[in-house]
Protein backbone atom coordinates (compact mmCIF):
# COMPACT_ATOMS: atom_id res chain seq x y z
CA MET A 1 0.00 0.00 0.00
CA PHE A 2 3.08 2.24 0.15
CA HIS A 3 2.76 4.89 -2.55
CA ALA A 4 4.34 8.07 -3.89
CA ILE A 5 2.76 11.52 -3.97
CA PRO A 6 3.87 13.43 -7.11
CA ASN A 7 4.73 16.76 -5.48
CA GLY A 8 8.45 16.98 -6.13
CA THR A 9 8.41 16.34 -9.85
CA HIS A 10 9.28 19.04 -12.34
CA LYS A 11 6.18 19.97 -14.26
CA SER A 12 5.32 22.41 -16.99
CA PRO A 13 3.19 25.39 -15.92
CA ALA A 14 0.16 23.75 -17.55
CA SER A 15 0.75 20.48 -15.69
CA ARG A 16 1.23 22.30 -12.37
CA TYR A 17 -2.07 24.09 -12.95
CA LEU A 18 -3.90 20.81 -13.68
CA TYR A 19 -2.36 19.08 -10.65
CA LYS A 20 -3.40 22.01 -8.48
CA LEU A 21 -6.96 21.81 -9.81
CA THR A 22 -7.08 18.12 -8.88
CA GLY A 23 -5.97 18.77 -5.31
CA LEU A 24 -2.19 18.47 -5.22
CA LYS A 25 -0.84 20.57 -2.34
CA ALA A 26 2.66 22.01 -1.92
CA GLY A 27 4.55 20.58 1.03
CA VAL A 28 2.85 17.18 1.27
CA PRO A 29 5.49 14.49 1.99
CA ASP A 30 6.76 12.33 -0.88
CA CYS A 31 5.47 8.91 0.18
CA PHE A 32 2.69 7.50 2.35
CA LEU A 33 2.05 4.14 3.96
CA PRO A 34 -1.65 4.13 4.97
CA VAL A 35 -1.27 1.32 7.49
CA ALA A 36 -2.10 1.90 11.16
CA ARG A 37 0.33 0.70 13.82
CA ALA A 38 0.06 1.14 17.59
CA THR A 39 -1.48 4.59 18.10
CA PHE A 40 -0.49 5.94 14.67
CA HIS A 41 -2.69 6.18 11.55
CA GLY A 42 0.11 5.84 8.99
CA LEU A 43 3.66 6.77 7.99
CA TYR A 44 4.71 9.67 5.74
CA ILE A 45 8.25 9.92 4.38
CA GLU A 46 9.88 13.04 2.96
CA PHE A 47 13.01 12.36 0.88
CA LYS A 48 15.81 14.92 0.89
CA SER A 49 19.31 14.89 -0.52
CA ALA A 50 22.25 15.12 1.87
CA LYS A 51 22.13 18.91 1.66
CA GLY A 52 18.40 19.33 0.97
CA ARG A 53 16.32 21.28 3.43
CA VAL A 54 12.71 21.02 4.48
CA SER A 55 10.69 23.98 3.19
CA THR A 56 8.33 26.07 5.30
CA GLU A 57 5.33 24.45 3.58
CA GLN A 58 6.75 21.01 4.33
CA GLU A 59 7.36 21.88 7.99
CA GLN A 60 3.76 23.04 8.29
CA TRP A 61 2.44 19.82 6.73
CA HIS A 62 4.68 17.68 8.94
CA GLU A 63 3.45 19.40 12.08
CA SER A 64 -0.21 19.14 11.02
CA LEU A 65 0.15 15.46 10.13
CA ARG A 66 1.87 14.66 13.43
CA ASN A 67 -0.92 16.47 15.28
CA GLN A 68 -3.41 14.20 13.51
CA GLY A 69 -1.67 11.00 14.62
CA TYR A 70 0.70 10.24 11.76
CA ILE A 71 4.43 9.58 11.88
CA VAL A 72 6.44 11.84 9.55
CA GLU A 73 10.11 11.17 8.88
CA VAL A 74 12.68 12.90 6.68
CA CYS A 75 15.04 10.43 5.00
CA ARG A 76 18.35 11.22 3.31
CA THR A 77 18.86 7.74 1.80
CA TRP A 78 16.67 4.88 0.64
CA GLU A 79 18.30 2.74 3.32
CA ASP A 80 17.00 5.14 5.99
CA ALA A 81 13.52 4.87 4.49
CA VAL A 82 13.63 1.07 4.52
CA GLN A 83 14.82 1.02 8.14
CA ILE A 84 12.13 3.49 9.28
CA THR A 85 9.41 1.61 7.37
CA GLU A 86 10.44 -1.73 8.84
CA ARG A 87 10.61 -0.28 12.34
CA TYR A 88 7.17 1.27 11.89
CA LEU A 89 5.61 -1.95 10.59
CA ASN A 90 7.17 -4.02 13.38
CA GLY A 91 5.79 -1.69 16.03
């Protein structure tokens, strides 16, 4: 059930406009696992490069999602994402 959210892709102005019309929001994390574990409703993962930084919009989304009972993690490598996902699924 793990899936990507197409926020970080480079789009033409026309594509950005269409995505916005269909509900795409700036700052939403890159991936989502809609599987509840313990007291959490699901896991969101934001991918960043080694030097990448979380934007203001992303920080706001992360805080809002955490307040609603989701785990939100920022991962710098795919290995980090695998480890966090496994830890989440194993409780």
